[in-house]
Amino acid sequence: MVQAIENWARLMGTVVHVAPSPSQSRFSLVVLDIETAEDVEGFPNLFTKSRGTQLSISVPAGLLTQMENTSNVRIECRVSRRSPRVVIAHREGFRVLGPRTET
């Protein structure tokens, strides 16, 4: 079994969709339209090419209670790629920035 390298990035973007995770009962899958993917000091950033794409992120379900509405809301979160298809958000650093406003 190949072990993933420890990696972290700080993503900011707009929530497109939220659904319960089919495989992890205490998580929700959040589809995020990525605006920025910043480095976290001391860790490789595996999301540098994610800007402008949509990404499914496993988010601890309790963190989503901060959002009154789950679509068109901007969030910031610290994430790690655990496998080619699994991205996990960390409890620390999760922030709801408010509704997306058109500029």
PDB file of N, CA and C in Angstrom:
ATOM      1  N   MET A   1       0.827  -1.170   0.000  1.00  0.00           N
ATOM      2  CA  MET A   1       0.000   0.000   0.000  1.00  0.00           C
ATOM      3  C   MET A   1       0.879   1.244   0.000  1.00  0.00           C
ATOM      4  N   VAL A   2       0.550   2.191  -0.861  1.00  0.00           N
ATOM      5  CA  VAL A   2       1.310   3.425  -0.956  1.00  0.00           C
ATOM      6  C   VAL A   2       0.772   4.413   0.067  1.00  0.00           C
ATOM      7  N   GLN A   3       1.680   5.021   0.819  1.00  0.00           N
ATOM      8  CA  GLN A   3       1.266   5.982   1.825  1.00  0.00           C
ATOM      9  C   GLN A   3       1.310   7.386   1.242  1.00  0.00           C
ATOM     10  N   ALA A   4       0.272   8.182   1.475  1.00  0.00           N
ATOM     11  CA  ALA A   4       0.215   9.557   0.993  1.00  0.00           C
ATOM     12  C   ALA A   4       1.155  10.421   1.825  1.00  0.00           C
ATOM     13  N   ILE A   5       1.746  11.431   1.175  1.00  0.00           N
ATOM     14  CA  ILE A   5       2.583  12.363   1.912  1.00  0.00           C
ATOM     15  C   ILE A   5       1.687  13.326   2.679  1.00  0.00           C
ATOM     16  N   GLU A   6       2.165  13.786   3.819  1.00  0.00           N
ATOM     17  CA  GLU A   6       1.416  14.775   4.603  1.00  0.00           C
ATOM     18  C   GLU A   6       1.360  16.061   3.802  1.00  0.00           C
ATOM     19  N   ASN A   7       0.164  16.529   3.505  1.00  0.00           N
ATOM     20  CA  ASN A   7       0.000  17.719   2.682  1.00  0.00           C
ATOM     21  C   ASN A   7      -1.181  18.530   3.189  1.00  0.00           C
ATOM     22  N   TRP A   8      -1.069  19.857   3.075  1.00  0.00           N
ATOM     23  CA  TRP A   8      -2.151  20.748   3.498  1.00  0.00           C
ATOM     24  C   TRP A   8      -2.177  21.969   2.608  1.00  0.00           C
ATOM     25  N   ALA A   9      -3.362  22.512   2.418  1.00  0.00           N
ATOM     26  CA  ALA A   9      -3.542  23.768   1.694  1.00  0.00           C
ATOM     27  C   ALA A   9      -4.743  24.481   2.293  1.00  0.00           C
ATOM     28  N   ARG A  10      -4.787  25.786   2.096  1.00  0.00           N
ATOM     29  CA  ARG A  10      -5.931  26.580   2.538  1.00  0.00           C
ATOM     30  C   ARG A  10      -6.719  26.970   1.294  1.00  0.00           C
ATOM     31  N   LEU A  11      -7.948  26.446   1.202  1.00  0.00           N
ATOM     32  CA  LEU A  11      -8.800  26.721   0.046  1.00  0.00           C
ATOM     33  C   LEU A  11      -9.866  27.745   0.408  1.00  0.00           C
ATOM     34  N   MET A  12     -10.199  28.576  -0.562  1.00  0.00           N
ATOM     35  CA  MET A  12     -11.312  29.487  -0.432  1.00  0.00           C
ATOM     36  C   MET A  12     -12.165  29.330  -1.679  1.00  0.00           C
ATOM     37  N   GLY A  13     -13.484  29.272  -1.493  1.00  0.00           N
ATOM     38  CA  GLY A  13     -14.353  29.123  -2.641  1.00  0.00           C
ATOM     39  C   GLY A  13     -15.818  29.179  -2.265  1.00  0.00           C
ATOM     40  N   THR A  14     -16.652  28.901  -3.257  1.00  0.00           N
ATOM     41  CA  THR A  14     -18.102  28.968  -3.088  1.00  0.00           C
ATOM     42  C   THR A  14     -18.695  27.561  -3.094  1.00  0.00           C
ATOM     43  N   VAL A  15     -19.547  27.289  -2.116  1.00  0.00           N
ATOM     44  CA  VAL A  15     -20.225  26.000  -2.025  1.00  0.00           C
ATOM     45  C   VAL A  15     -21.224  25.882  -3.168  1.00  0.00           C
ATOM     46  N   VAL A  16     -21.107  24.792  -3.926  1.00  0.00           N
ATOM     47  CA  VAL A  16     -22.014  24.512  -5.034  1.00  0.00           C
ATOM     48  C   VAL A  16     -23.093  23.535  -4.591  1.00  0.00           C
ATOM     49  N   HIS A  17     -22.698  22.539  -3.785  1.00  0.00           N
ATOM     50  CA  HIS A  17     -23.632  21.480  -3.395  1.00  0.00           C
ATOM     51  C   HIS A  17     -23.130  20.828  -2.111  1.00  0.00           C
ATOM     52  N   VAL A  18     -24.068  20.381  -1.276  1.00  0.00           N
ATOM     53  CA  VAL A  18     -23.751  19.637  -0.052  1.00  0.00           C
ATOM     54  C   VAL A  18     -24.640  18.406   0.002  1.00  0.00           C
ATOM     55  N   ALA A  19     -24.048  17.259   0.343  1.00  0.00           N
ATOM     56  CA  ALA A  19     -24.801  16.014   0.490  1.00  0.00           C
ATOM     57  C   ALA A  19     -24.143  15.175   1.582  1.00  0.00           C
ATOM     58  N   PRO A  20     -24.902  14.306   2.233  1.00  0.00           N
ATOM     59  CA  PRO A  20     -24.299  13.395   3.209  1.00  0.00           C
ATOM     60  C   PRO A  20     -23.263  12.504   2.513  1.00  0.00           C
ATOM     61  N   SER A  21     -22.194  12.205   3.206  1.00  0.00           N
ATOM     62  CA  SER A  21     -21.187  11.299   2.653  1.00  0.00           C
ATOM     63  C   SER A  21     -21.735   9.881   2.636  1.00  0.00           C
ATOM     64  N   PRO A  22     -21.640   9.190   1.500  1.00  0.00           N
ATOM     65  CA  PRO A  22     -22.145   7.819   1.442  1.00  0.00           C
ATOM     66  C   PRO A  22     -21.274   6.824   2.221  1.00  0.00           C
ATOM     67  N   SER A  23     -20.024   7.196   2.514  1.00  0.00           N
ATOM     68  CA  SER A  23     -19.120   6.241   3.151  1.00  0.00           C
ATOM     69  C   SER A  23     -18.654   6.646   4.547  1.00  0.00           C
ATOM     70  N   GLN A  24     -18.895   7.903   4.937  1.00  0.00           N
ATOM     71  CA  GLN A  24     -18.443   8.379   6.248  1.00  0.00           C
ATOM     72  C   GLN A  24     -19.610   9.074   6.946  1.00  0.00           C
ATOM     73  N   SER A  25     -20.186   8.433   7.937  1.00  0.00           N
ATOM     74  CA  SER A  25     -21.434   8.919   8.543  1.00  0.00           C
ATOM     75  C   SER A  25     -21.314  10.279   9.224  1.00  0.00           C
ATOM     76  N   ARG A  26     -20.146  10.648   9.694  1.00  0.00           N
ATOM     77  CA  ARG A  26     -19.995  11.925  10.394  1.00  0.00           C
ATOM     78  C   ARG A  26     -19.465  13.035   9.494  1.00  0.00           C
ATOM     79  N   PHE A  27     -19.514  12.807   8.189  1.00  0.00           N
ATOM     80  CA  PHE A  27     -19.023  13.795   7.230  1.00  0.00           C
ATOM     81  C   PHE A  27     -20.084  14.109   6.191  1.00  0.00           C
ATOM     82  N   SER A  28     -19.968  15.287   5.605  1.00  0.00           N
ATOM     83  CA  SER A  28     -20.760  15.665   4.441  1.00  0.00           C
ATOM     84  C   SER A  28     -19.811  15.906   3.289  1.00  0.00           C
ATOM     85  N   LEU A  29     -20.283  15.658   2.079  1.00  0.00           N
ATOM     86  CA  LEU A  29     -19.496  15.966   0.887  1.00  0.00           C
ATOM     87  C   LEU A  29     -19.903  17.350   0.397  1.00  0.00           C
ATOM     88  N   VAL A  30     -18.935  18.235   0.335  1.00  0.00           N
ATOM     89  CA  VAL A  30     -19.164  19.599  -0.118  1.00  0.00           C
ATOM     90  C   VAL A  30     -18.454  19.770  -1.456  1.00  0.00           C
ATOM     91  N   VAL A  31     -19.205  20.160  -2.475  1.00  0.00           N
ATOM     92  CA  VAL A  31     -18.594  20.493  -3.760  1.00  0.00           C
ATOM     93  C   VAL A  31     -18.295  21.982  -3.706  1.00  0.00           C
ATOM     94  N   LEU A  32     -17.016  22.316  -3.867  1.00  0.00           N
ATOM     95  CA  LEU A  32     -16.551  23.695  -3.731  1.00  0.00           C
ATOM     96  C   LEU A  32     -15.985  24.188  -5.044  1.00  0.00           C
ATOM     97  N   ASP A  33     -16.421  25.362  -5.471  1.00  0.00           N
ATOM     98  CA  ASP A  33     -15.870  26.045  -6.635  1.00  0.00           C
ATOM     99  C   ASP A  33     -14.654  26.821  -6.130  1.00  0.00           C
ATOM    100  N   ILE A  34     -13.450  26.337  -6.447  1.00  0.00           N
ATOM    101  CA  ILE A  34     -12.212  26.848  -5.845  1.00  0.00           C
ATOM    102  C   ILE A  34     -11.818  28.204  -6.430  1.00  0.00           C
ATOM    103  N   GLU A  35     -11.621  29.186  -5.527  1.00  0.00           N
ATOM    104  CA  GLU A  35     -11.147  30.516  -5.914  1.00  0.00           C
ATOM    105  C   GLU A  35      -9.655  30.664  -5.661  1.00  0.00           C
ATOM    106  N   THR A  36      -9.194  30.178  -4.494  1.00  0.00           N
ATOM    107  CA  THR A  36      -7.771  30.248  -4.159  1.00  0.00           C
ATOM    108  C   THR A  36      -7.336  28.954  -3.483  1.00  0.00           C
ATOM    109  N   ALA A  37      -6.057  28.643  -3.623  1.00  0.00           N
ATOM    110  CA  ALA A  37      -5.438  27.473  -2.982  1.00  0.00           C
ATOM    111  C   ALA A  37      -4.073  27.906  -2.462  1.00  0.00           C
ATOM    112  N   GLU A  38      -4.033  28.342  -1.212  1.00  0.00           N
ATOM    113  CA  GLU A  38      -2.819  28.891  -0.623  1.00  0.00           C
ATOM    114  C   GLU A  38      -2.038  27.826   0.134  1.00  0.00           C
ATOM    115  N   ASP A  39      -0.729  28.046   0.223  1.00  0.00           N
ATOM    116  CA  ASP A  39       0.155  27.145   0.957  1.00  0.00           C
ATOM    117  C   ASP A  39      -0.103  27.213   2.460  1.00  0.00           C
ATOM    118  N   VAL A  40       0.131  26.099   3.127  1.00  0.00           N
ATOM    119  CA  VAL A  40       0.198  26.033   4.587  1.00  0.00           C
ATOM    120  C   VAL A  40       1.661  25.782   4.900  1.00  0.00           C
ATOM    121  N   GLU A  41       2.248  26.664   5.695  1.00  0.00           N
ATOM    122  CA  GLU A  41       3.681  26.615   5.961  1.00  0.00           C
ATOM    123  C   GLU A  41       4.129  25.242   6.447  1.00  0.00           C
ATOM    124  N   GLY A  42       5.178  24.733   5.824  1.00  0.00           N
ATOM    125  CA  GLY A  42       5.776  23.470   6.237  1.00  0.00           C
ATOM    126  C   GLY A  42       5.214  22.236   5.549  1.00  0.00           C
ATOM    127  N   PHE A  43       4.228  22.414   4.670  1.00  0.00           N
ATOM    128  CA  PHE A  43       3.605  21.269   4.005  1.00  0.00           C
ATOM    129  C   PHE A  43       3.503  21.516   2.500  1.00  0.00           C
ATOM    130  N   PRO A  44       3.646  20.462   1.708  1.00  0.00           N
ATOM    131  CA  PRO A  44       3.425  20.628   0.274  1.00  0.00           C
ATOM    132  C   PRO A  44       1.954  20.914  -0.013  1.00  0.00           C
ATOM    133  N   ASN A  45       1.716  21.735  -1.031  1.00  0.00           N
ATOM    134  CA  ASN A  45       0.370  22.091  -1.466  1.00  0.00           C
ATOM    135  C   ASN A  45       0.057  21.293  -2.730  1.00  0.00           C
ATOM    136  N   LEU A  46      -0.841  20.329  -2.632  1.00  0.00           N
ATOM    137  CA  LEU A  46      -1.207  19.501  -3.775  1.00  0.00           C
ATOM    138  C   LEU A  46      -2.401  20.069  -4.537  1.00  0.00           C
ATOM    139  N   PHE A  47      -2.774  21.310  -4.243  1.00  0.00           N
ATOM    140  CA  PHE A  47      -3.959  21.922  -4.839  1.00  0.00           C
ATOM    141  C   PHE A  47      -3.625  23.168  -5.655  1.00  0.00           C
ATOM    142  N   THR A  48      -2.374  23.352  -6.008  1.00  0.00           N
ATOM    143  CA  THR A  48      -1.963  24.581  -6.693  1.00  0.00           C
ATOM    144  C   THR A  48      -2.663  24.777  -8.035  1.00  0.00           C
ATOM    145  N   LYS A  49      -3.086  23.714  -8.674  1.00  0.00           N
ATOM    146  CA  LYS A  49      -3.757  23.828  -9.973  1.00  0.00           C
ATOM    147  C   LYS A  49      -5.273  23.702  -9.854  1.00  0.00           C
ATOM    148  N   SER A  50      -5.799  23.838  -8.650  1.00  0.00           N
ATOM    149  CA  SER A  50      -7.232  23.655  -8.419  1.00  0.00           C
ATOM    150  C   SER A  50      -8.061  24.910  -8.648  1.00  0.00           C
ATOM    151  N   ARG A  51      -7.418  26.066  -8.712  1.00  0.00           N
ATOM    152  CA  ARG A  51      -8.164  27.314  -8.890  1.00  0.00           C
ATOM    153  C   ARG A  51      -9.001  27.246 -10.166  1.00  0.00           C
ATOM    154  N   GLY A  52     -10.278  27.609 -10.038  1.00  0.00           N
ATOM    155  CA  GLY A  52     -11.174  27.586 -11.178  1.00  0.00           C
ATOM    156  C   GLY A  52     -11.829  26.239 -11.434  1.00  0.00           C
ATOM    157  N   THR A  53     -11.569  25.261 -10.572  1.00  0.00           N
ATOM    158  CA  THR A  53     -12.178  23.935 -10.724  1.00  0.00           C
ATOM    159  C   THR A  53     -13.139  23.692  -9.569  1.00  0.00           C
ATOM    160  N   GLN A  54     -13.890  22.614  -9.658  1.00  0.00           N
ATOM    161  CA  GLN A  54     -14.741  22.190  -8.557  1.00  0.00           C
ATOM    162  C   GLN A  54     -14.136  20.949  -7.931  1.00  0.00           C
ATOM    163  N   LEU A  55     -14.223  20.880  -6.610  1.00  0.00           N
ATOM    164  CA  LEU A  55     -13.598  19.810  -5.861  1.00  0.00           C
ATOM    165  C   LEU A  55     -14.570  19.305  -4.802  1.00  0.00           C
ATOM    166  N   SER A  56     -14.688  17.980  -4.659  1.00  0.00           N
ATOM    167  CA  SER A  56     -15.501  17.383  -3.587  1.00  0.00           C
ATOM    168  C   SER A  56     -14.637  17.220  -2.353  1.00  0.00           C
ATOM    169  N   ILE A  57     -15.113  17.758  -1.239  1.00  0.00           N
ATOM    170  CA  ILE A  57     -14.361  17.763   0.009  1.00  0.00           C
ATOM    171  C   ILE A  57     -15.205  17.131   1.109  1.00  0.00           C
ATOM    172  N   SER A  58     -14.614  16.191   1.857  1.00  0.00           N
ATOM    173  CA  SER A  58     -15.285  15.615   3.023  1.00  0.00           C
ATOM    174  C   SER A  58     -15.102  16.574   4.192  1.00  0.00           C
ATOM    175  N   VAL A  59     -16.231  17.082   4.703  1.00  0.00           N
ATOM    176  CA  VAL A  59     -16.214  18.074   5.779  1.00  0.00           C
ATOM    177  C   VAL A  59     -16.932  17.486   6.988  1.00  0.00           C
ATOM    178  N   PRO A  60     -16.328  17.566   8.192  1.00  0.00           N
ATOM    179  CA  PRO A  60     -17.043  17.102   9.379  1.00  0.00           C
ATOM    180  C   PRO A  60     -18.416  17.786   9.442  1.00  0.00           C
ATOM    181  N   ALA A  61     -19.469  16.987   9.545  1.00  0.00           N
ATOM    182  CA  ALA A  61     -20.839  17.493   9.438  1.00  0.00           C
ATOM    183  C   ALA A  61     -21.139  18.616  10.427  1.00  0.00           C
ATOM    184  N   GLY A  62     -20.602  18.568  11.600  1.00  0.00           N
ATOM    185  CA  GLY A  62     -20.854  19.599  12.597  1.00  0.00           C
ATOM    186  C   GLY A  62     -20.414  20.988  12.178  1.00  0.00           C
ATOM    187  N   LEU A  63     -19.440  21.082  11.288  1.00  0.00           N
ATOM    188  CA  LEU A  63     -18.966  22.388  10.842  1.00  0.00           C
ATOM    189  C   LEU A  63     -19.977  23.092   9.956  1.00  0.00           C
ATOM    190  N   LEU A  64     -20.828  22.333   9.306  1.00  0.00           N
ATOM    191  CA  LEU A  64     -21.792  22.933   8.379  1.00  0.00           C
ATOM    192  C   LEU A  64     -22.943  23.619   9.101  1.00  0.00           C
ATOM    193  N   THR A  65     -23.069  23.410  10.397  1.00  0.00           N
ATOM    194  CA  THR A  65     -24.133  24.087  11.148  1.00  0.00           C
ATOM    195  C   THR A  65     -23.877  25.587  11.214  1.00  0.00           C
ATOM    196  N   GLN A  66     -22.652  26.024  10.904  1.00  0.00           N
ATOM    197  CA  GLN A  66     -22.319  27.447  10.882  1.00  0.00           C
ATOM    198  C   GLN A  66     -23.003  28.165   9.718  1.00  0.00           C
ATOM    199  N   MET A  67     -23.476  27.395   8.740  1.00  0.00           N
ATOM    200  CA  MET A  67     -24.058  27.984   7.535  1.00  0.00           C
ATOM    201  C   MET A  67     -25.578  27.921   7.610  1.00  0.00           C
ATOM    202  N   GLU A  68     -26.233  29.057   7.440  1.00  0.00           N
ATOM    203  CA  GLU A  68     -27.695  29.074   7.396  1.00  0.00           C
ATOM    204  C   GLU A  68     -28.185  28.449   6.098  1.00  0.00           C
ATOM    205  N   ASN A  69     -27.496  28.730   5.018  1.00  0.00           N
ATOM    206  CA  ASN A  69     -27.835  28.222   3.697  1.00  0.00           C
ATOM    207  C   ASN A  69     -26.587  27.493   3.200  1.00  0.00           C
ATOM    208  N   THR A  70     -26.752  26.392   2.525  1.00  0.00           N
ATOM    209  CA  THR A  70     -25.573  25.625   2.134  1.00  0.00           C
ATOM    210  C   THR A  70     -25.165  25.809   0.680  1.00  0.00           C
ATOM    211  N   SER A  71     -25.861  26.654  -0.074  1.00  0.00           N
ATOM    212  CA  SER A  71     -25.421  26.891  -1.450  1.00  0.00           C
ATOM    213  C   SER A  71     -25.118  28.366  -1.642  1.00  0.00           C
ATOM    214  N   ASN A  72     -24.187  28.635  -2.519  1.00  0.00           N
ATOM    215  CA  ASN A  72     -23.757  29.993  -2.847  1.00  0.00           C
ATOM    216  C   ASN A  72     -23.146  30.723  -1.651  1.00  0.00           C
ATOM    217  N   VAL A  73     -22.565  29.951  -0.724  1.00  0.00           N
ATOM    218  CA  VAL A  73     -21.893  30.502   0.449  1.00  0.00           C
ATOM    219  C   VAL A  73     -20.400  30.324   0.260  1.00  0.00           C
ATOM    220  N   ARG A  74     -19.647  31.366   0.555  1.00  0.00           N
ATOM    221  CA  ARG A  74     -18.190  31.279   0.462  1.00  0.00           C
ATOM    222  C   ARG A  74     -17.629  30.758   1.776  1.00  0.00           C
ATOM    223  N   ILE A  75     -16.679  29.814   1.669  1.00  0.00           N
ATOM    224  CA  ILE A  75     -16.019  29.270   2.848  1.00  0.00           C
ATOM    225  C   ILE A  75     -14.512  29.269   2.636  1.00  0.00           C
ATOM    226  N   GLU A  76     -13.807  29.144   3.736  1.00  0.00           N
ATOM    227  CA  GLU A  76     -12.361  28.943   3.728  1.00  0.00           C
ATOM    228  C   GLU A  76     -12.108  27.715   4.583  1.00  0.00           C
ATOM    229  N   CYS A  77     -11.236  26.825   4.118  1.00  0.00           N
ATOM    230  CA  CYS A  77     -10.946  25.626   4.905  1.00  0.00           C
ATOM    231  C   CYS A  77      -9.540  25.121   4.605  1.00  0.00           C
ATOM    232  N   ARG A  78      -9.009  24.417   5.586  1.00  0.00           N
ATOM    233  CA  ARG A  78      -7.703  23.774   5.425  1.00  0.00           C
ATOM    234  C   ARG A  78      -7.972  22.333   5.038  1.00  0.00           C
ATOM    235  N   VAL A  79      -7.358  21.888   3.949  1.00  0.00           N
ATOM    236  CA  VAL A  79      -7.654  20.552   3.419  1.00  0.00           C
ATOM    237  C   VAL A  79      -6.383  19.756   3.176  1.00  0.00           C
ATOM    238  N   SER A  80      -6.576  18.436   3.118  1.00  0.00           N
ATOM    239  CA  SER A  80      -5.496  17.505   2.816  1.00  0.00           C
ATOM    240  C   SER A  80      -6.009  16.467   1.817  1.00  0.00           C
ATOM    241  N   ARG A  81      -5.199  16.169   0.820  1.00  0.00           N
ATOM    242  CA  ARG A  81      -5.547  15.100  -0.127  1.00  0.00           C
ATOM    243  C   ARG A  81      -5.032  13.796   0.469  1.00  0.00           C
ATOM    244  N   ARG A  82      -5.976  12.880   0.793  1.00  0.00           N
ATOM    245  CA  ARG A  82      -5.626  11.606   1.417  1.00  0.00           C
ATOM    246  C   ARG A  82      -5.426  10.494   0.401  1.00  0.00           C
ATOM    247  N   SER A  83      -6.045  10.647  -0.764  1.00  0.00           N
ATOM    248  CA  SER A  83      -5.876   9.708  -1.873  1.00  0.00           C
ATOM    249  C   SER A  83      -6.298  10.461  -3.133  1.00  0.00           C
ATOM    250  N   PRO A  84      -6.135   9.863  -4.308  1.00  0.00           N
ATOM    251  CA  PRO A  84      -6.526  10.596  -5.526  1.00  0.00           C
ATOM    252  C   PRO A  84      -7.975  11.086  -5.521  1.00  0.00           C
ATOM    253  N   ARG A  85      -8.859  10.406  -4.782  1.00  0.00           N
ATOM    254  CA  ARG A  85     -10.274  10.788  -4.783  1.00  0.00           C
ATOM    255  C   ARG A  85     -10.800  11.292  -3.442  1.00  0.00           C
ATOM    256  N   VAL A  86      -9.948  11.354  -2.431  1.00  0.00           N
ATOM    257  CA  VAL A  86     -10.418  11.746  -1.097  1.00  0.00           C
ATOM    258  C   VAL A  86      -9.681  13.001  -0.619  1.00  0.00           C
ATOM    259  N   VAL A  87     -10.473  14.052  -0.360  1.00  0.00           N
ATOM    260  CA  VAL A  87      -9.964  15.303   0.201  1.00  0.00           C
ATOM    261  C   VAL A  87     -10.735  15.557   1.483  1.00  0.00           C
ATOM    262  N   ILE A  88     -10.004  15.788   2.576  1.00  0.00           N
ATOM    263  CA  ILE A  88     -10.606  15.965   3.899  1.00  0.00           C
ATOM    264  C   ILE A  88     -10.345  17.385   4.387  1.00  0.00           C
ATOM    265  N   ALA A  89     -11.388  18.021   4.929  1.00  0.00           N
ATOM    266  CA  ALA A  89     -11.239  19.335   5.563  1.00  0.00           C
ATOM    267  C   ALA A  89     -10.943  19.141   7.042  1.00  0.00           C
ATOM    268  N   HIS A  90     -10.052  19.961   7.562  1.00  0.00           N
ATOM    269  CA  HIS A  90      -9.704  19.924   8.985  1.00  0.00           C
ATOM    270  C   HIS A  90     -10.668  20.826   9.753  1.00  0.00           C
ATOM    271  N   ARG A  91     -10.983  20.432  10.980  1.00  0.00           N
ATOM    272  CA  ARG A  91     -11.878  21.251  11.814  1.00  0.00           C
ATOM    273  C   ARG A  91     -11.317  22.651  12.047  1.00  0.00           C
ATOM    274  N   GLU A  92      -9.998  22.723  12.268  1.00  0.00           N
ATOM    275  CA  GLU A  92      -9.377  24.024  12.492  1.00  0.00           C
ATOM    276  C   GLU A  92      -9.266  24.761  11.167  1.00  0.00           C
ATOM    277  N   GLY A  93      -9.557  26.008  11.187  1.00  0.00           N
ATOM    278  CA  GLY A  93      -9.406  26.819   9.992  1.00  0.00           C
ATOM    279  C   GLY A  93     -10.640  26.843   9.102  1.00  0.00           C
ATOM    280  N   PHE A  94     -11.730  26.192   9.507  1.00  0.00           N
ATOM    281  CA  PHE A  94     -12.956  26.224   8.718  1.00  0.00           C
ATOM    282  C   PHE A  94     -13.714  27.491   9.073  1.00  0.00           C
ATOM    283  N   ARG A  95     -13.975  28.321   8.054  1.00  0.00           N
ATOM    284  CA  ARG A  95     -14.698  29.573   8.297  1.00  0.00           C
ATOM    285  C   ARG A  95     -15.748  29.789   7.222  1.00  0.00           C
ATOM    286  N   VAL A  96     -16.901  30.246   7.647  1.00  0.00           N
ATOM    287  CA  VAL A  96     -17.930  30.675   6.710  1.00  0.00           C
ATOM    288  C   VAL A  96     -17.717  32.155   6.481  1.00  0.00           C
ATOM    289  N   LEU A  97     -17.523  32.527   5.220  1.00  0.00           N
ATOM    290  CA  LEU A  97     -17.217  33.916   4.873  1.00  0.00           C
ATOM    291  C   LEU A  97     -18.463  34.716   4.503  1.00  0.00           C
ATOM    292  N   GLY A  98     -19.579  34.021   4.285  1.00  0.00           N
ATOM    293  CA  GLY A  98     -20.828  34.699   3.936  1.00  0.00           C
ATOM    294  C   GLY A  98     -21.254  34.379   2.532  1.00  0.00           C
ATOM    295  N   PRO A  99     -22.378  34.942   2.112  1.00  0.00           N
ATOM    296  CA  PRO A  99     -22.877  34.659   0.770  1.00  0.00           C
ATOM    297  C   PRO A  99     -21.973  35.250  -0.308  1.00  0.00           C
ATOM    298  N   ARG A 100     -21.930  34.552  -1.432  1.00  0.00           N
ATOM    299  CA  ARG A 100     -21.141  35.049  -2.557  1.00  0.00           C
ATOM    300  C   ARG A 100     -21.842  36.272  -3.131  1.00  0.00           C
ATOM    301  N   THR A 101     -21.070  37.312  -3.368  1.00  0.00           N
ATOM    302  CA  THR A 101     -21.623  38.510  -3.982  1.00  0.00           C
ATOM    303  C   THR A 101     -20.974  38.683  -5.337  1.00  0.00           C
ATOM    304  N   GLU A 102     -21.766  39.024  -6.323  1.00  0.00           N
ATOM    305  CA  GLU A 102     -21.238  39.232  -7.676  1.00  0.00           C
ATOM    306  C   GLU A 102     -20.507  40.559  -7.723  1.00  0.00           C
ATOM    307  N   THR A 103     -19.356  40.575  -8.402  1.00  0.00           N
ATOM    308  CA  THR A 103     -18.583  41.818  -8.529  1.00  0.00           C
ATOM    309  C   THR A 103     -18.530  42.257  -9.966  1.00  0.00           C
TER     310      THR A 103
END
